[in-house]
C-alpha atoms as a PDB file:
ATOM      1  CA  MET A   1      -0.948  15.546  31.442  1.00  0.00           C
ATOM      2  CA  GLN A   2       1.594  12.915  32.413  1.00  0.00           C
ATOM      3  CA  SER A   3       0.569   9.773  34.297  1.00  0.00           C
ATOM      4  CA  SER A   4       1.682   9.339  37.888  1.00  0.00           C
ATOM      5  CA  ASP A   5       2.667   5.743  37.141  1.00  0.00           C
ATOM      6  CA  PRO A   6       6.435   5.178  36.744  1.00  0.00           C
ATOM      7  CA  PRO A   7       7.524   4.808  33.107  1.00  0.00           C
ATOM      8  CA  GLN A   8       8.177   1.275  31.904  1.00  0.00           C
ATOM      9  CA  PRO A   9      11.342   0.636  29.833  1.00  0.00           C
ATOM     10  CA  GLU A  10      10.807  -0.485  26.248  1.00  0.00           C
ATOM     11  CA  PRO A  11      13.491  -2.414  24.328  1.00  0.00           C
ATOM     12  CA  GLU A  12      15.794  -0.136  22.364  1.00  0.00           C
ATOM     13  CA  GLN A  13      13.067   2.375  21.565  1.00  0.00           C
ATOM     14  CA  ALA A  14      14.136   5.936  20.869  1.00  0.00           C
ATOM     15  CA  LEU A  15      12.268   8.584  22.833  1.00  0.00           C
ATOM     16  CA  PRO A  16      10.014  11.243  21.306  1.00  0.00           C
ATOM     17  CA  THR A  17      11.071  14.846  21.393  1.00  0.00           C
ATOM     18  CA  PHE A  18       9.637  16.742  24.348  1.00  0.00           C
ATOM     19  CA  PRO A  19      10.174  20.464  23.665  1.00  0.00           C
ATOM     20  CA  ALA A  20      10.576  21.292  27.352  1.00  0.00           C
ATOM     21  CA  SER A  21      13.675  19.078  27.632  1.00  0.00           C
ATOM     22  CA  GLY A  22      15.822  21.294  25.427  1.00  0.00           C
ATOM     23  CA  HIS A  23      17.602  18.192  24.080  1.00  0.00           C
ATOM     24  CA  GLU A  24      17.439  16.915  20.514  1.00  0.00           C
ATOM     25  CA  ARG A  25      16.421  13.272  20.280  1.00  0.00           C
ATOM     26  CA  LEU A  26      16.164  10.944  17.324  1.00  0.00           C
ATOM     27  CA  TRP A  27      12.500   9.896  17.277  1.00  0.00           C
ATOM     28  CA  THR A  28      12.063   6.644  15.343  1.00  0.00           C
ATOM     29  CA  PRO A  29       8.471   5.386  15.383  1.00  0.00           C
ATOM     30  CA  TRP A  30       9.141   2.997  12.483  1.00  0.00           C
ATOM     31  CA  ARG A  31      11.070   0.822  14.958  1.00  0.00           C
ATOM     32  CA  MET A  32       7.801  -0.004  16.725  1.00  0.00           C
ATOM     33  CA  ARG A  33       7.385  -2.973  14.351  1.00  0.00           C
ATOM     34  CA  TYR A  34      10.470  -4.402  16.059  1.00  0.00           C
ATOM     35  CA  VAL A  35       9.582  -3.212  19.554  1.00  0.00           C
ATOM     36  CA  ALA A  36       6.085  -4.699  19.333  1.00  0.00           C
ATOM     37  CA  GLY A  37       7.683  -8.082  18.701  1.00  0.00           C
ATOM     38  CA  ASN A  38       5.004  -9.421  16.363  1.00  0.00           C
ATOM     39  CA  ASP A  39       7.561 -11.072  14.090  1.00  0.00           C
ATOM     40  CA  ARG A  40      10.086 -12.302  16.664  1.00  0.00           C
ATOM     41  CA  GLU A  41      11.951 -15.405  15.505  1.00  0.00           C
ATOM     42  CA  ASN A  42      12.945 -18.449  17.511  1.00  0.00           C
ATOM     43  CA  GLY A  43      16.408 -18.479  19.030  1.00  0.00           C
ATOM     44  CA  CYS A  44      18.966 -15.682  19.025  1.00  0.00           C
ATOM     45  CA  ILE A  45      18.729 -13.351  16.036  1.00  0.00           C
ATOM     46  CA  PHE A  46      22.488 -12.748  16.050  1.00  0.00           C
ATOM     47  CA  CYS A  47      23.430 -16.430  16.300  1.00  0.00           C
ATOM     48  CA  ASN A  48      20.895 -17.269  13.591  1.00  0.00           C
ATOM     49  CA  ARG A  49      22.404 -14.701  11.234  1.00  0.00           C
ATOM     50  CA  LEU A  50      25.957 -15.806  11.951  1.00  0.00           C
ATOM     51  CA  ALA A  51      25.043 -19.452  11.268  1.00  0.00           C
ATOM     52  CA  GLY A  52      23.646 -18.547   7.851  1.00  0.00           C
ATOM     53  CA  HIS A  53      25.548 -18.071   4.613  1.00  0.00           C
ATOM     54  CA  GLU A  54      23.647 -15.381   2.678  1.00  0.00           C
ATOM     55  CA  ASP A  55      25.257 -12.366   4.299  1.00  0.00           C
ATOM     56  CA  ALA A  56      23.699  -9.736   2.042  1.00  0.00           C
ATOM     57  CA  ARG A  57      20.256 -11.041   3.012  1.00  0.00           C
ATOM     58  CA  SER A  58      21.256 -11.143   6.699  1.00  0.00           C
ATOM     59  CA  LEU A  59      22.954  -7.718   6.431  1.00  0.00           C
ATOM     60  CA  ILE A  60      26.278  -9.042   7.757  1.00  0.00           C
ATOM     61  CA  LEU A  61      29.019  -6.661   6.623  1.00  0.00           C
ATOM     62  CA  HIS A  62      32.073  -8.384   8.103  1.00  0.00           C
ATOM     63  CA  ARG A  63      32.941 -11.717   9.695  1.00  0.00           C
ATOM     64  CA  GLY A  64      35.945 -11.766  11.995  1.00  0.00           C
ATOM     65  CA  GLU A  65      37.571 -14.355  14.223  1.00  0.00           C
ATOM     66  CA  ARG A  66      35.710 -13.175  17.323  1.00  0.00           C
ATOM     67  CA  VAL A  67      33.294 -10.431  16.228  1.00  0.00           C
ATOM     68  CA  PHE A  68      31.092  -9.589  13.271  1.00  0.00           C
ATOM     69  CA  ILE A  69      29.456  -6.414  11.967  1.00  0.00           C
ATOM     70  CA  ILE A  70      25.787  -6.385  11.014  1.00  0.00           C
ATOM     71  CA  MET A  71      23.396  -3.672   9.878  1.00  0.00           C
ATOM     72  CA  ASN A  72      20.287  -3.009  11.933  1.00  0.00           C
ATOM     73  CA  LEU A  73      17.144  -3.921   9.999  1.00  0.00           C
ATOM     74  CA  PHE A  74      15.210  -1.423  12.147  1.00  0.00           C
ATOM     75  CA  PRO A  75      17.721   1.445  12.180  1.00  0.00           C
ATOM     76  CA  TYR A  76      17.694   4.573  14.286  1.00  0.00           C
ATOM     77  CA  ASN A  77      19.331   6.252  11.297  1.00  0.00           C
ATOM     78  CA  THR A  78      20.824   5.424   7.899  1.00  0.00           C
ATOM     79  CA  GLY A  79      23.929   3.266   8.291  1.00  0.00           C
ATOM     80  CA  HIS A  80      23.067   2.050  11.803  1.00  0.00           C
ATOM     81  CA  VAL A  81      25.331  -0.968  12.400  1.00  0.00           C
ATOM     82  CA  MET A  82      26.155  -3.205  15.355  1.00  0.00           C
ATOM     83  CA  ILE A  83      29.414  -4.749  16.542  1.00  0.00           C
ATOM     84  CA  VAL A  84      28.561  -8.226  17.824  1.00  0.00           C
ATOM     85  CA  PRO A  85      30.689 -10.988  19.401  1.00  0.00           C
ATOM     86  CA  ASN A  86      30.505 -14.361  17.677  1.00  0.00           C
ATOM     87  CA  ASP A  87      30.059 -16.035  21.072  1.00  0.00           C
ATOM     88  CA  HIS A  88      26.622 -15.955  22.671  1.00  0.00           C
ATOM     89  CA  VAL A  89      27.403 -13.817  25.729  1.00  0.00           C
ATOM     90  CA  ALA A  90      25.067 -11.360  27.425  1.00  0.00           C
ATOM     91  CA  SER A  91      27.495  -8.901  28.985  1.00  0.00           C
ATOM     92  CA  LEU A  92      31.062  -7.678  28.791  1.00  0.00           C
ATOM     93  CA  GLU A  93      31.929  -9.259  32.127  1.00  0.00           C
ATOM     94  CA  ASP A  94      30.925 -12.637  30.673  1.00  0.00           C
ATOM     95  CA  ALA A  95      33.007 -12.213  27.530  1.00  0.00           C
ATOM     96  CA  ASP A  96      36.524 -13.430  26.962  1.00  0.00           C
ATOM     97  CA  PRO A  97      38.960 -10.480  27.198  1.00  0.00           C
ATOM     98  CA  ASP A  98      39.983 -11.076  23.586  1.00  0.00           C
ATOM     99  CA  ILE A  99      36.376 -10.516  22.493  1.00  0.00           C
ATOM    100  CA  ALA A 100      36.171  -7.177  24.270  1.00  0.00           C
ATOM    101  CA  ASN A 101      39.529  -6.241  22.755  1.00  0.00           C
ATOM    102  CA  ASP A 102      38.381  -7.122  19.234  1.00  0.00           C
ATOM    103  CA  MET A 103      35.159  -5.144  19.683  1.00  0.00           C
ATOM    104  CA  GLY A 104      37.253  -2.120  20.571  1.00  0.00           C
ATOM    105  CA  THR A 105      39.825  -2.683  17.839  1.00  0.00           C
ATOM    106  CA  ILE A 106      37.293  -2.907  15.024  1.00  0.00           C
ATOM    107  CA  ARG A 107      35.429   0.200  16.143  1.00  0.00           C
ATOM    108  CA  GLY A 108      37.909   2.535  14.423  1.00  0.00           C
ATOM    109  CA  PRO A 109      37.685   0.854  10.997  1.00  0.00           C
ATOM    110  CA  VAL A 110      33.884   0.817  11.268  1.00  0.00           C
ATOM    111  CA  LEU A 111      33.759   4.552  11.972  1.00  0.00           C
ATOM    112  CA  ARG A 112      36.182   5.352   9.153  1.00  0.00           C
ATOM    113  CA  ALA A 113      34.223   3.207   6.690  1.00  0.00           C
ATOM    114  CA  LEU A 114      30.962   4.905   7.658  1.00  0.00           C
ATOM    115  CA  ARG A 115      32.464   8.391   7.400  1.00  0.00           C
ATOM    116  CA  ARG A 116      33.868   7.736   3.941  1.00  0.00           C
ATOM    117  CA  ALA A 117      30.892   5.828   2.526  1.00  0.00           C
ATOM    118  CA  LEU A 118      28.120   8.075   3.864  1.00  0.00           C
ATOM    119  CA  ALA A 119      29.861  11.394   4.663  1.00  0.00           C
ATOM    120  CA  VAL A 120      28.919  10.942   8.327  1.00  0.00           C
ATOM    121  CA  GLU A 121      29.411  13.966  10.594  1.00  0.00           C
ATOM    122  CA  GLY A 122      29.190  12.259  13.990  1.00  0.00           C
ATOM    123  CA  PHE A 123      28.193   9.096  15.833  1.00  0.00           C
ATOM    124  CA  ASN A 124      26.259   7.775  18.778  1.00  0.00           C
ATOM    125  CA  LEU A 125      27.967   4.678  20.209  1.00  0.00           C
ATOM    126  CA  GLY A 126      26.465   2.569  22.935  1.00  0.00           C
ATOM    127  CA  LEU A 127      25.946  -0.729  24.721  1.00  0.00           C
ATOM    128  CA  ASN A 128      22.623  -1.554  26.356  1.00  0.00           C
ATOM    129  CA  VAL A 129      23.292  -4.390  28.815  1.00  0.00           C
ATOM    130  CA  GLY A 130      20.131  -5.907  30.251  1.00  0.00           C
ATOM    131  CA  ALA A 131      16.447  -5.185  29.723  1.00  0.00           C
ATOM    132  CA  VAL A 132      16.435  -2.481  32.375  1.00  0.00           C
ATOM    133  CA  ALA A 133      19.043  -0.605  30.313  1.00  0.00           C
ATOM    134  CA  GLY A 134      16.911  -0.810  27.180  1.00  0.00           C
ATOM    135  CA  ALA A 135      18.447  -3.814  25.426  1.00  0.00           C
ATOM    136  CA  GLY A 136      16.059  -5.343  22.905  1.00  0.00           C
ATOM    137  CA  VAL A 137      18.207  -8.475  22.610  1.00  0.00           C
ATOM    138  CA  THR A 138      19.212  -9.154  26.200  1.00  0.00           C
ATOM    139  CA  ASP A 139      21.119 -12.426  25.875  1.00  0.00           C
ATOM    140  CA  HIS A 140      23.625 -11.505  23.144  1.00  0.00           C
ATOM    141  CA  LEU A 141      25.905  -8.514  23.659  1.00  0.00           C
ATOM    142  CA  HIS A 142      26.016  -5.921  20.868  1.00  0.00           C
ATOM    143  CA  GLU A 143      27.296  -2.375  20.472  1.00  0.00           C
ATOM    144  CA  HIS A 144      25.307   0.147  18.443  1.00  0.00           C
ATOM    145  CA  VAL A 145      27.048   2.520  16.037  1.00  0.00           C
ATOM    146  CA  VAL A 146      24.549   5.143  14.846  1.00  0.00           C
ATOM    147  CA  PRO A 147      25.700   7.721  12.256  1.00  0.00           C
ATOM    148  CA  ARG A 148      24.570  11.306  12.766  1.00  0.00           C
ATOM    149  CA  TRP A 149      24.316  14.353  10.538  1.00  0.00           C
ATOM    150  CA  GLN A 150      23.474  17.926  11.387  1.00  0.00           C
ATOM    151  CA  GLY A 151      19.690  18.186  11.470  1.00  0.00           C
ATOM    152  CA  ASP A 152      19.178  14.462  10.846  1.00  0.00           C
ATOM    153  CA  ALA A 153      16.171  14.379  13.162  1.00  0.00           C
ATOM    154  CA  ASN A 154      14.455  16.545  10.552  1.00  0.00           C
ATOM    155  CA  PHE A 155      15.637  15.106   7.227  1.00  0.00           C
ATOM    156  CA  MET A 156      13.832  11.764   7.683  1.00  0.00           C
ATOM    157  CA  PRO A 157      10.185  12.688   7.004  1.00  0.00           C
ATOM    158  CA  ILE A 158       7.593  10.583   8.788  1.00  0.00           C
ATOM    159  CA  LEU A 159       4.358   9.746   6.979  1.00  0.00           C
ATOM    160  CA  ALA A 160       1.614   7.803   8.771  1.00  0.00           C
ATOM    161  CA  GLY A 161       4.116   6.471  11.283  1.00  0.00           C
ATOM    162  CA  THR A 162       6.522   5.239   8.595  1.00  0.00           C
ATOM    163  CA  THR A 163       9.907   6.755   7.904  1.00  0.00           C
ATOM    164  CA  VAL A 164      11.152   7.733   4.466  1.00  0.00           C
ATOM    165  CA  MET A 165      14.850   6.885   4.707  1.00  0.00           C
ATOM    166  CA  PRO A 166      17.304   8.679   2.380  1.00  0.00           C
ATOM    167  CA  GLU A 167      18.208   5.409   0.623  1.00  0.00           C
ATOM    168  CA  LEU A 168      17.219   1.755   0.570  1.00  0.00           C
ATOM    169  CA  ILE A 169      18.958  -0.634   2.958  1.00  0.00           C
ATOM    170  CA  PRO A 170      20.462  -2.796   0.134  1.00  0.00           C
ATOM    171  CA  VAL A 171      22.156   0.312  -1.274  1.00  0.00           C
ATOM    172  CA  THR A 172      23.568   1.303   2.106  1.00  0.00           C
ATOM    173  CA  TYR A 173      24.665  -2.298   2.649  1.00  0.00           C
ATOM    174  CA  ALA A 174      26.590  -2.340  -0.633  1.00  0.00           C
ATOM    175  CA  LYS A 175      28.339   0.938   0.155  1.00  0.00           C
ATOM    176  CA  LEU A 176      29.322  -0.156   3.655  1.00  0.00           C
ATOM    177  CA  ARG A 177      30.375  -3.694   2.819  1.00  0.00           C
ATOM    178  CA  ALA A 178      32.735  -2.458   0.114  1.00  0.00           C
ATOM    179  CA  GLU A 179      34.130   0.281   2.321  1.00  0.00           C
ATOM    180  CA  LEU A 180      34.592  -1.916   5.385  1.00  0.00           C
ATOM    181  CA  ALA A 181      36.419  -4.543   3.319  1.00  0.00           C
ATOM    182  CA  ARG A 182      38.661  -1.766   2.023  1.00  0.00           C
ATOM    183  CA  GLU A 183      39.288  -0.465   5.531  1.00  0.00           C
ATOM    184  CA  LEU A 184      40.217  -3.894   6.865  1.00  0.00           C
ATOM    185  CA  GLY A 185      41.983  -5.241   3.780  1.00  0.00           C
ATOM    186  CA  GLY A 186      43.392  -2.152   2.095  1.00  0.00           C
ATOM    187  CA  ASP A 187      41.997  -2.874  -1.391  1.00  0.00           C
ATOM    188  CA  ARG A 188      40.909   0.321  -3.191  1.00  0.00           C
ATOM    189  CA  GLU A 189      39.666  -1.556  -6.280  1.00  0.00           C
ATOM    190  CA  ILE A 190      36.031  -2.541  -6.852  1.00  0.00           C
ATOM    191  CA  GLN A 191      34.156  -4.329  -9.646  1.00  0.00           C
ATOM    192  CA  SER A 192      30.835  -3.177 -11.070  1.00  0.00           C
ATOM    193  CA  LEU A 193      28.069  -5.387 -12.402  1.00  0.00           C
ATOM    194  CA  VAL A 194      25.913  -3.151 -14.612  1.00  0.00           C
ATOM    195  CA  LEU A 195      22.673  -4.844 -15.666  1.00  0.00           C
ATOM    196  CA  THR A 196      19.586  -3.765 -17.550  1.00  0.00           C
ATOM    197  CA  PRO A 197      16.361  -3.744 -15.489  1.00  0.00           C
ATOM    198  CA  ASP A 198      15.414  -7.174 -16.878  1.00  0.00           C
ATOM    199  CA  ALA A 199      18.934  -8.500 -16.083  1.00  0.00           C
ATOM    200  CA  ARG A 200      19.293  -9.764 -19.663  1.00  0.00           C
ATOM    201  CA  ASN A 201      22.195  -7.519 -20.661  1.00  0.00           C
ATOM    202  CA  ALA A 202      25.395  -6.432 -18.944  1.00  0.00           C
ATOM    203  CA  LEU A 203      28.239  -3.993 -19.512  1.00  0.00           C
ATOM    204  CA  VAL A 204      31.725  -5.448 -20.082  1.00  0.00           C
ATOM    205  CA  ASP A 205      35.034  -4.268 -21.480  1.00  0.00           C
ATOM    206  CA  ALA A 206      36.577  -5.378 -24.768  1.00  0.00           C
ATOM    207  CA  GLU A 207      37.825  -8.608 -23.186  1.00  0.00           C
ATOM    208  CA  GLY A 208      34.481  -9.458 -21.638  1.00  0.00           C
ATOM    209  CA  ARG A 209      35.449  -8.471 -18.100  1.00  0.00           C
ATOM    210  CA  LEU A 210      33.351  -6.520 -15.635  1.00  0.00           C
ATOM    211  CA  PRO A 211      34.293  -2.857 -15.193  1.00  0.00           C
ATOM    212  CA  ARG A 212      36.803  -2.188 -12.416  1.00  0.00           C
ATOM    213  CA  ALA A 213      37.476   1.091 -10.649  1.00  0.00           C
ATOM    214  CA  ILE A 214      40.178   2.302  -8.283  1.00  0.00           C
ATOM    215  CA  ALA A 215      39.219   4.840  -5.641  1.00  0.00           C
ATOM    216  CA  SER A 216      41.460   7.787  -4.892  1.00  0.00           C
ATOM    217  CA  ASN A 217      42.405   8.606  -1.313  1.00  0.00           C
ATOM    218  CA  GLY A 218      39.298   9.616   0.593  1.00  0.00           C
ATOM    219  CA  GLU A 219      36.968   8.685  -2.261  1.00  0.00           C
ATOM    220  CA  PRO A 220      34.332   6.076  -1.369  1.00  0.00           C
ATOM    221  CA  LEU A 221      34.414   2.953  -3.493  1.00  0.00           C
ATOM    222  CA  TRP A 222      30.798   3.310  -4.574  1.00  0.00           C
ATOM    223  CA  ARG A 223      31.479   6.791  -5.910  1.00  0.00           C
ATOM    224  CA  ALA A 224      34.620   5.607  -7.717  1.00  0.00           C
ATOM    225  CA  ALA A 225      32.614   2.792  -9.307  1.00  0.00           C
ATOM    226  CA  LEU A 226      29.839   5.160 -10.366  1.00  0.00           C
ATOM    227  CA  ARG A 227      32.367   7.606 -11.817  1.00  0.00           C
ATOM    228  CA  ASP A 228      34.027   4.786 -13.762  1.00  0.00           C
ATOM    229  CA  VAL A 229      30.700   3.543 -15.158  1.00  0.00           C
ATOM    230  CA  HIS A 230      29.798   7.088 -16.204  1.00  0.00           C
ATOM    231  CA  ASP A 231      33.189   7.425 -17.912  1.00  0.00           C
ATOM    232  CA  ARG A 232      32.359   4.279 -19.889  1.00  0.00           C
ATOM    233  CA  GLY A 233      29.349   6.073 -21.363  1.00  0.00           C
ATOM    234  CA  VAL A 234      26.584   4.862 -19.053  1.00  0.00           C
ATOM    235  CA  ALA A 235      25.028   8.073 -17.777  1.00  0.00           C
ATOM    236  CA  ASP A 236      21.939   6.583 -16.134  1.00  0.00           C
ATOM    237  CA  ALA A 237      23.608   3.982 -13.886  1.00  0.00           C
ATOM    238  CA  GLU A 238      22.016   3.621 -10.457  1.00  0.00           C
ATOM    239  CA  LEU A 239      23.512   1.701  -7.524  1.00  0.00           C
ATOM    240  CA  ILE A 240      20.958  -0.840  -6.302  1.00  0.00           C
ATOM    241  CA  GLY A 241      22.871  -3.357  -4.191  1.00  0.00           C
ATOM    242  CA  TRP A 242      25.687  -5.850  -3.664  1.00  0.00           C
ATOM    243  CA  ALA A 243      26.945  -8.271  -6.332  1.00  0.00           C
ATOM    244  CA  GLY A 244      30.090  -9.631  -4.695  1.00  0.00           C
ATOM    245  CA  GLY A 245      30.860 -12.647  -2.529  1.00  0.00           C
ATOM    246  CA  ILE A 246      27.921 -14.284  -0.771  1.00  0.00           C
ATOM    247  CA  ARG A 247      29.700 -14.401   2.585  1.00  0.00           C
ATOM    248  CA  ALA A 248      31.391 -11.359   4.066  1.00  0.00           C
ATOM    249  CA  ASP A 249      34.623 -13.294   4.618  1.00  0.00           C
ATOM    250  CA  GLU A 250      34.976 -13.835   0.861  1.00  0.00           C
ATOM    251  CA  ALA A 251      37.316 -11.461  -0.920  1.00  0.00           C
ATOM    252  CA  ALA A 252      35.327 -10.816  -4.104  1.00  0.00           C
ATOM    253  CA  GLY A 253      33.779  -7.351  -3.997  1.00  0.00           C
ATOM    254  CA  ALA A 254      31.344  -6.010  -6.583  1.00  0.00           C
ATOM    255  CA  LEU A 255      28.599  -3.402  -6.684  1.00  0.00           C
ATOM    256  CA  LEU A 256      25.346  -3.910  -8.581  1.00  0.00           C
ATOM    257  CA  PHE A 257      24.149  -1.111 -10.858  1.00  0.00           C
ATOM    258  CA  ARG A 258      21.019  -0.816 -12.970  1.00  0.00           C
ATOM    259  CA  ALA A 259      21.072   1.012 -16.311  1.00  0.00           C
ATOM    260  CA  ALA A 260      19.145   0.982 -19.581  1.00  0.00           C
ATOM    261  CA  LEU A 261      22.232   0.276 -21.763  1.00  0.00           C
ATOM    262  CA  ALA A 262      19.998   1.146 -24.711  1.00  0.00           C
ATOM    263  CA  ASP A 263      22.459   3.215 -26.742  1.00  0.00           C
ATOM    264  CA  ALA A 264      25.519   1.108 -27.527  1.00  0.00           C
ATOM    265  CA  GLY A 265      26.849   3.964 -29.644  1.00  0.00           C
ATOM    266  CA  ALA A 266      27.204   6.128 -26.553  1.00  0.00           C
ATOM    267  CA  LEU A 267      29.626   3.718 -24.894  1.00  0.00           C
ATOM    268  CA  ALA A 268      33.265   4.682 -24.626  1.00  0.00           C
ATOM    269  CA  ALA A 269      35.746   2.746 -26.749  1.00  0.00           C
ATOM    270  CA  GLU A 270      36.479  -0.827 -25.686  1.00  0.00           C
ATOM    271  CA  ASN A 271      33.175  -1.199 -23.840  1.00  0.00           C
ATOM    272  CA  ARG A 272      30.231  -3.258 -25.025  1.00  0.00           C
ATOM    273  CA  VAL A 273      26.934  -4.774 -23.960  1.00  0.00           C
ATOM    274  CA  ILE A 274      26.484  -8.548 -23.859  1.00  0.00           C
ATOM    275  CA  SER A 275      23.576 -10.883 -23.156  1.00  0.00           C
ATOM    276  CA  THR A 276      23.736 -12.520 -19.750  1.00  0.00           C
END
């Protein structure tokens, strides 16, 4: 039985599915760790991330002149990213017109990168301006881009209030950072750093260089890199994260793979394993 008290808004919390509504909703109880606010940091989370330099740790995918792209640590869905102005402004009416223009301009490349990297079928896009509208961070404007797939409210099993996401955030980060750099810079080539689990050995070519792959049209860079590594005789390679430039405005792009590299005889010609 529902309470007669009016509902109180909670910051950026997805709603549970009420069967009587007839509408599908993405129910994300794992975000309650964020909503509860037990680990809130001092200052603005977006400004703090932008001021840092370890972008893979901060989940910053792109740094632009006026806006940056960052993954959501408490996602509604896999690949949930945010378009954020560099300036600390709370609302669009407070933002310089060039900021609003850049937020709109970069939206297309973000959507294309997500579609290609994750085979996304649709998106929810939205701005929550002010606490009454559901904004969790009220003083720094940000636009949510949430990928959607058919039946995605069902494919994320929930166990004891914790979601089991399809892949780890560092893996998604690596896929998206490579693809967004490609979308904005046009480079279809990517390096691969293939390490053993203890990081003591690495795969290189005959000249000691890291493997490089070129993606075909429509092929995501991570898949091109994995295909190339397989072609070099490494059948058990697994993408585990990013190995490129520390900051997202650095050009060097590389994906990190883990593999046993136990059978040197299985490697294709002109490939070898070296000690790191």
